[in-house]
Protein backbone atom coordinates (compact mmCIF):
# COMPACT_ATOMS: atom_id res chain seq x y z
CA MET A 1 -0.03 0.05 -0.07
CA GLN A 2 2.53 2.19 0.68
CA GLN A 3 4.36 1.80 -2.60
CA LEU A 4 0.87 2.59 -4.40
CA GLN A 5 0.83 5.68 -2.49
CA ARG A 6 4.34 6.91 -3.44
CA LEU A 7 3.66 5.99 -7.07
CA MET A 8 0.22 8.16 -6.79
CA ALA A 9 2.06 10.87 -5.17
CA ALA A 10 4.71 11.09 -8.06
CA GLY A 11 2.01 11.57 -10.65
CA LEU A 12 2.37 8.13 -12.21
CA PRO A 13 -0.02 8.56 -15.14
CA ALA A 14 -2.18 5.11 -14.20
CA GLN A 15 -5.71 4.30 -14.96
CA TRP A 16 -5.52 0.77 -13.22
CA VAL A 17 -3.83 -1.86 -11.79
CA ALA A 18 -4.00 -5.85 -11.15
CA PHE A 19 -2.93 -7.96 -8.55
CA ASP A 20 -2.23 -11.48 -8.05
CA GLU A 21 -3.70 -13.65 -5.38
CA VAL A 22 -1.32 -12.38 -2.89
CA TYR A 23 -2.19 -8.89 -2.80
CA GLY A 24 -5.99 -9.16 -4.32
CA ARG A 25 -7.12 -10.67 -1.20
CA SER A 26 -6.34 -7.49 0.47
CA GLN A 27 -9.50 -5.67 1.13
CA GLU A 28 -7.49 -2.21 2.48
CA LEU A 29 -5.05 -2.42 -0.67
CA ARG A 30 -8.40 -2.89 -3.20
CA LYS A 31 -10.22 0.19 -1.35
CA GLN A 32 -6.42 2.58 -1.62
CA ALA A 33 -7.13 1.88 -5.40
CA ALA A 34 -10.60 2.56 -5.62
CA ALA A 35 -9.94 5.88 -3.55
CA ALA A 36 -7.02 6.66 -6.05
CA GLY A 37 -9.50 6.23 -9.02
CA LEU A 38 -7.47 3.18 -9.88
CA ALA A 39 -9.64 0.64 -11.79
CA TYR A 40 -8.67 -2.88 -10.73
CA ALA A 41 -8.55 -6.56 -11.29
CA ALA A 42 -7.36 -8.74 -8.21
CA ILE A 43 -7.18 -12.38 -8.22
CA ILE A 44 -8.62 -14.11 -5.27
CA PRO A 45 -8.63 -17.33 -4.10
CA CYS A 46 -11.33 -19.65 -4.91
CA ASP A 47 -13.03 -20.13 -1.15
CA TYR A 48 -12.67 -16.10 -1.12
CA PRO A 49 -16.07 -14.99 0.85
CA VAL A 50 -17.99 -12.65 -2.04
CA THR A 51 -20.90 -10.27 -1.20
CA THR A 52 -24.21 -11.43 -3.26
CA PRO A 53 -26.23 -8.20 -4.32
CA ALA A 54 -28.82 -10.20 -2.29
CA GLY A 55 -26.25 -9.64 0.80
CA THR A 56 -25.21 -13.09 1.36
CA THR A 57 -21.87 -14.32 1.61
CA ILE A 58 -20.81 -17.05 -0.66
CA ARG A 59 -17.41 -18.59 -1.87
CA ALA A 60 -16.11 -17.10 -5.04
CA ASP A 61 -16.23 -20.66 -6.83
CA ALA A 62 -20.00 -20.83 -5.62
CA ALA A 63 -20.91 -18.25 -8.64
CA LEU A 64 -19.80 -21.05 -10.94
CA THR A 65 -23.22 -22.24 -10.92
CA ASN A 66 -25.17 -19.63 -12.74
CA ALA A 67 -22.24 -18.18 -14.81
CA VAL A 68 -22.57 -17.71 -18.63
CA PHE A 69 -18.97 -17.61 -20.21
CA GLU A 70 -17.97 -16.32 -23.52
CA ARG A 71 -14.81 -17.21 -25.29
CA ARG A 72 -12.56 -14.11 -25.65
CA SER A 73 -8.91 -13.48 -25.97
CA CYS A 74 -7.16 -11.28 -23.18
CA GLY A 75 -3.98 -10.37 -25.65
CA ASN A 76 -1.58 -11.75 -28.02
CA GLY A 77 1.29 -14.01 -26.39
CA SER A 78 4.49 -15.57 -28.42
CA ALA A 79 2.12 -18.27 -29.42
CA GLY A 80 -0.94 -16.39 -30.32
CA PRO A 81 -3.89 -14.98 -29.11
CA ARG A 82 -4.80 -16.02 -25.35
CA TYR A 83 -8.09 -17.70 -25.46
CA SER A 84 -10.31 -18.41 -22.26
CA ASP A 85 -13.68 -18.87 -21.22
CA TRP A 86 -14.84 -15.62 -19.19
CA ALA A 87 -18.07 -14.96 -17.13
CA ILE A 88 -18.74 -12.17 -15.12
CA THR A 89 -21.54 -11.23 -12.22
CA THR A 90 -21.97 -8.25 -9.72
CA THR A 91 -21.59 -8.26 -6.25
CA GLY A 92 -23.09 -6.52 -3.21
CA ILE A 93 -20.31 -3.78 -3.42
CA HIS A 94 -21.22 -0.84 -5.79
CA GLY A 95 -19.40 -1.05 -8.64
CA GLN A 96 -17.63 -4.19 -8.04
CA HIS A 97 -17.60 -7.45 -10.24
CA LEU A 98 -16.60 -11.04 -9.84
CA LEU A 99 -14.79 -12.15 -12.90
CA ILE A 100 -14.09 -15.69 -13.52
CA ARG A 101 -11.62 -17.43 -16.38
CA ARG A 102 -11.84 -21.01 -17.16
CA LEU A 103 -8.81 -22.30 -19.00
CA THR A 104 -9.67 -23.77 -22.56
CA SER A 105 -7.08 -26.72 -22.49
CA ARG A 106 -8.04 -27.30 -18.66
CA PRO A 107 -11.52 -26.69 -18.05
CA ASP A 108 -11.51 -27.73 -14.47
CA GLN A 109 -9.12 -24.90 -13.80
CA TYR A 110 -10.72 -21.43 -12.84
CA THR A 111 -9.32 -18.36 -12.09
CA PHE A 112 -11.62 -15.59 -9.97
CA TYR A 113 -11.04 -11.83 -10.21
CA LEU A 114 -12.55 -9.22 -7.85
CA CYS A 115 -12.96 -6.43 -10.43
CA TRP A 116 -13.94 -2.55 -10.06
CA ALA A 117 -14.02 0.50 -12.23
CA PRO A 118 -14.57 4.24 -11.46
CA PRO A 119 -18.43 5.54 -12.41
CA GLU A 120 -16.91 7.40 -15.62
CA ARG A 121 -15.40 4.10 -16.89
CA PRO A 122 -17.71 1.37 -18.82
CA ALA A 123 -17.15 -1.74 -16.34
CA THR A 124 -17.76 -4.16 -19.05
CA LEU A 125 -16.29 -7.68 -19.52
CA THR A 126 -14.19 -6.48 -22.49
CA TYR A 127 -12.46 -3.76 -19.84
CA PHE A 128 -11.77 -5.97 -17.16
CA ILE A 129 -10.57 -8.84 -19.40
CA THR A 130 -8.00 -6.36 -21.02
CA ILE A 131 -6.66 -5.51 -17.32
CA ALA A 132 -6.42 -8.92 -16.18
CA GLY A 133 -4.57 -9.73 -19.28
CA ARG A 134 -1.92 -6.98 -18.93
CA ARG A 135 -0.28 -9.11 -16.26
CA TRP A 136 1.31 -10.99 -19.12
CA PRO A 137 3.94 -8.26 -20.22
CA VAL A 138 4.73 -8.08 -16.38
CA GLU A 139 5.64 -11.51 -16.24
CA GLN A 140 7.44 -11.14 -19.47
CA THR A 141 9.33 -8.39 -18.14
CA PHE A 142 10.42 -10.50 -14.96
CA THR A 143 11.63 -13.32 -16.89
CA THR A 144 13.64 -10.95 -19.49
CA GLY A 145 15.13 -9.29 -16.32
CA LYS A 146 16.20 -12.80 -14.75
CA ASP A 147 17.54 -14.63 -17.71
CA THR A 148 19.34 -11.58 -19.44
CA PHE A 149 20.05 -9.27 -16.66
CA GLY A 150 20.61 -11.58 -13.84
CA TRP A 151 17.75 -10.26 -11.68
CA ASP A 152 17.77 -13.47 -9.31
CA GLN A 153 21.27 -14.24 -9.74
CA SER A 154 23.02 -12.94 -6.92
CA GLN A 155 24.97 -14.10 -3.66
CA THR A 156 23.83 -11.05 -1.56
CA ARG A 157 22.49 -12.09 1.84
CA THR A 158 21.74 -8.17 3.12
CA TYR A 159 18.78 -6.36 2.34
CA ASN A 160 20.58 -3.59 1.09
CA GLY A 161 22.66 -5.70 -1.14
CA ILE A 162 19.52 -7.20 -2.33
CA CYS A 163 18.24 -3.69 -3.61
CA ARG A 164 21.28 -2.53 -4.95
CA HIS A 165 21.47 -5.76 -6.93
CA THR A 166 17.97 -5.65 -8.10
CA THR A 167 17.84 -1.89 -8.58
CA LEU A 168 21.28 -2.25 -11.27
CA SER A 169 19.68 -5.31 -12.99
CA ALA A 170 16.24 -3.05 -13.39
CA LEU A 171 18.22 0.00 -14.45
CA ALA A 172 20.14 -2.54 -17.16
CA GLN A 173 16.91 -3.46 -18.59
CA LEU A 174 15.74 0.13 -18.59
CA ARG A 175 18.40 1.30 -20.85
CA ALA A 176 17.98 -1.55 -23.32
CA ALA A 177 14.42 -0.75 -23.26
CA ALA A 178 15.41 2.82 -24.22
CA ILE A 179 17.84 2.02 -26.73
CA ARG A 180 15.05 -0.11 -28.63
CA GLY A 181 12.63 2.98 -28.21
CA ALA A 182 15.03 5.13 -29.81
CA LEU A 183 16.46 2.39 -32.78
CA THR A 184 12.10 1.88 -33.47
CA HIS A 185 11.62 5.83 -32.91
CA THR A 186 9.04 5.21 -30.61
CA ILE A 187 10.79 7.65 -28.08
CA GLN A 188 13.36 10.10 -28.33
CA LEU A 189 16.27 10.06 -26.02
CA PRO A 190 17.62 13.27 -24.87
CA ASP A 191 20.42 15.15 -26.52
CA THR A 192 23.81 14.00 -24.74
CA ILE A 193 26.40 17.21 -24.08
CA ASN A 194 30.41 17.08 -24.86
CA ASP A 195 30.24 13.14 -24.95
CA PRO A 196 33.80 11.94 -26.06
CA ALA A 197 33.95 11.21 -29.49
CA PRO A 198 34.10 7.23 -29.96
CA THR A 199 37.29 5.47 -30.79
CA SER A 200 37.97 4.59 -34.38
CA PRO A 201 37.63 0.44 -34.59
CA THR A 202 40.81 -0.86 -36.21
CA THR A 203 40.65 -1.87 -40.02
CA HIS A 204 40.72 -5.55 -41.20
CA HIS A 205 41.27 -6.35 -44.78
CA HIS A 206 38.09 -7.84 -44.39
CA ASP A 207 36.18 -4.59 -43.89
CA ASN A 208 36.54 -3.30 -47.25
CA LEU A 209 34.37 -6.16 -48.75
CA LEU A 210 31.42 -4.92 -46.35
CA SER A 211 28.62 -2.66 -47.53
CA ASP A 212 26.32 -0.65 -45.55
CA ALA A 213 23.64 -3.02 -46.05
CA ASP A 214 25.51 -5.65 -43.85
CA LEU A 215 25.59 -3.45 -40.68
CA GLN A 216 21.65 -2.77 -40.96
CA ILE A 217 19.38 -3.61 -38.25
CA PRO A 218 15.72 -4.51 -39.83
CA LEU A 219 13.12 -2.55 -37.58
CA GLY A 220 9.48 -2.84 -37.31
CA ASP A 221 7.41 -6.42 -36.82
CA ALA A 222 6.50 -9.44 -38.64
CA PRO A 223 2.92 -9.83 -39.48
CA VAL A 224 0.91 -12.36 -37.79
CA PRO A 225 -2.40 -14.52 -39.36
CA ASN A 226 -5.78 -13.53 -38.89
CA HIS A 227 -7.10 -16.88 -38.76
CA GLY A 228 -5.76 -20.62 -38.98
CA LYS A 229 -4.50 -22.49 -42.25
CA THR A 230 -3.13 -19.13 -43.92
CA PRO A 231 0.48 -19.92 -45.34
CA CYS A 232 3.31 -17.92 -43.78
CA PRO A 233 4.71 -15.68 -46.42
CA PRO A 234 7.91 -16.86 -47.97
CA ASN A 235 9.93 -13.84 -47.31
CA ILE A 236 8.56 -13.07 -43.91
CA ALA A 237 10.18 -10.08 -42.03
CA ALA A 238 12.12 -10.41 -38.64
CA ILE A 239 10.22 -10.20 -35.67
CA LYS A 240 10.18 -6.67 -33.72
CA LEU A 241 13.68 -6.39 -31.46
CA SER A 242 13.25 -7.95 -28.09
CA ILE A 243 14.77 -6.05 -24.74
CA ALA A 244 17.41 -9.03 -24.87
CA GLU A 245 18.51 -8.96 -28.47
CA THR A 246 18.64 -5.13 -27.98
CA SER A 247 21.25 -6.01 -25.24
CA ARG A 248 23.32 -8.03 -27.28
CA LEU A 249 23.32 -5.40 -29.85
CA ALA A 250 24.22 -2.84 -27.83
CA ARG A 251 27.14 -5.03 -26.34
CA LEU A 252 28.34 -5.66 -30.22
CA ALA A 253 27.95 -1.93 -30.51
CA THR A 254 30.01 -0.90 -27.56
CA GLN A 255 32.69 -3.66 -28.68
CA TYR A 256 33.10 -2.29 -32.36
CA THR A 257 33.11 1.36 -31.08
CA THR A 258 36.15 0.50 -28.63
CA GLY A 259 38.20 -1.64 -31.19
CA LEU A 260 37.70 -5.13 -29.37
CA ILE A 261 35.69 -6.62 -32.78
CA SER A 262 36.27 -5.97 -36.65
CA ARG A 263 33.73 -4.63 -38.57
CA ALA A 264 33.54 -7.90 -40.25
CA ARG A 265 33.08 -9.65 -37.28
CA LEU A 266 30.07 -6.94 -36.58
CA ALA A 267 28.45 -7.77 -39.83
CA PHE A 268 28.76 -11.20 -39.10
CA ALA A 269 26.93 -11.06 -35.64
CA LEU A 270 24.32 -8.73 -37.38
CA ARG A 271 23.27 -11.12 -39.90
CA TRP A 272 22.93 -13.80 -37.34
CA SER A 273 20.88 -11.49 -35.35
CA ARG A 274 18.41 -10.89 -38.41
CA ARG A 275 18.34 -14.91 -39.20
CA ARG A 276 17.60 -15.41 -35.50
CA ARG A 277 14.85 -12.68 -35.70
CA ARG A 278 13.15 -13.98 -38.81
CA HIS A 279 13.20 -17.45 -37.30
CA GLN A 280 11.67 -16.33 -34.51
CA ALA A 281 8.91 -15.07 -37.10
CA ILE A 282 8.40 -18.09 -38.83
CA ALA A 283 7.76 -20.17 -35.44
CA ARG A 284 5.52 -17.46 -34.04
CA TRP A 285 3.59 -17.65 -37.28
CA HIS A 286 2.83 -21.63 -36.92
CA HIS A 287 2.13 -20.88 -33.75
CA TYR A 288 -0.46 -18.25 -34.07
CA ASN A 289 -2.10 -20.58 -37.08
CA ALA A 290 -2.21 -23.59 -34.84
CA ARG A 291 -3.91 -21.65 -31.94
CA LEU A 292 -6.43 -19.95 -34.17
CA LEU A 293 -7.45 -22.97 -35.71
CA ALA A 294 -7.77 -24.42 -32.46
CA ALA A 295 -10.13 -21.96 -31.29
CA ALA A 296 -12.10 -21.92 -34.74
CA THR A 297 -12.57 -26.01 -34.34
CA SER A 298 -13.79 -25.33 -30.57
CA THR A 299 -16.45 -22.82 -31.04
């Protein structure tokens, strides 16, 4: 709750917040989010007590008796649209709803959310599904931070040491995100002043055989199919830069400008980067095809 208070006091331009089950069961936290004007989608356990519009108290999973499900996607993942069956019902608290998610791959597995939205926003099934689905990019950020920047790879045993390590890892990830944003022109980095000129790398005889095209980094993103059974384009573009790939490219740029690698070695690494991203685009296309086809045949 203190973290939420600090973020709101700092003027964070937020409109909603999503909690996992550990925080979702906190009534005080949900009240604080509502008082700050933040819509929320808070995961609760199946036995969490929920007040009905009639004033009675039931377990969350007791609402399954009269639930009417709709198949919706809560966003696109690396393997395609993330389809689930969703149902919503009101609770006894004004503006609050109980959202239920049923996995299509495991129909006996449910997730329950307590949701609320300010009066000026539409408290619809689509709105709450969108908020619930936004936790997926957060999980991806954690995974990238651990795999690429070593968030959880520390031997520190003190609280201050762990905080320092986590902060430095998060700053490294934020730096890579800023570089990717600048490359794709989605953000503009501030101008630098009095930066020293980069060191001229050593020239090798193979470097003269290279052109500027060998040092190109493809930007943009590869397309995805709109429905199943769509053939993959023969010359599909590469997927957009990931944080991990941006970190690798930034490291290559530093090595090249400091003379640690030659122009030919840089071009070789960039060609592998383009091949890797194009292979990922092909794999993603087929994953999307399979998931879209499965969703079409199960409805």
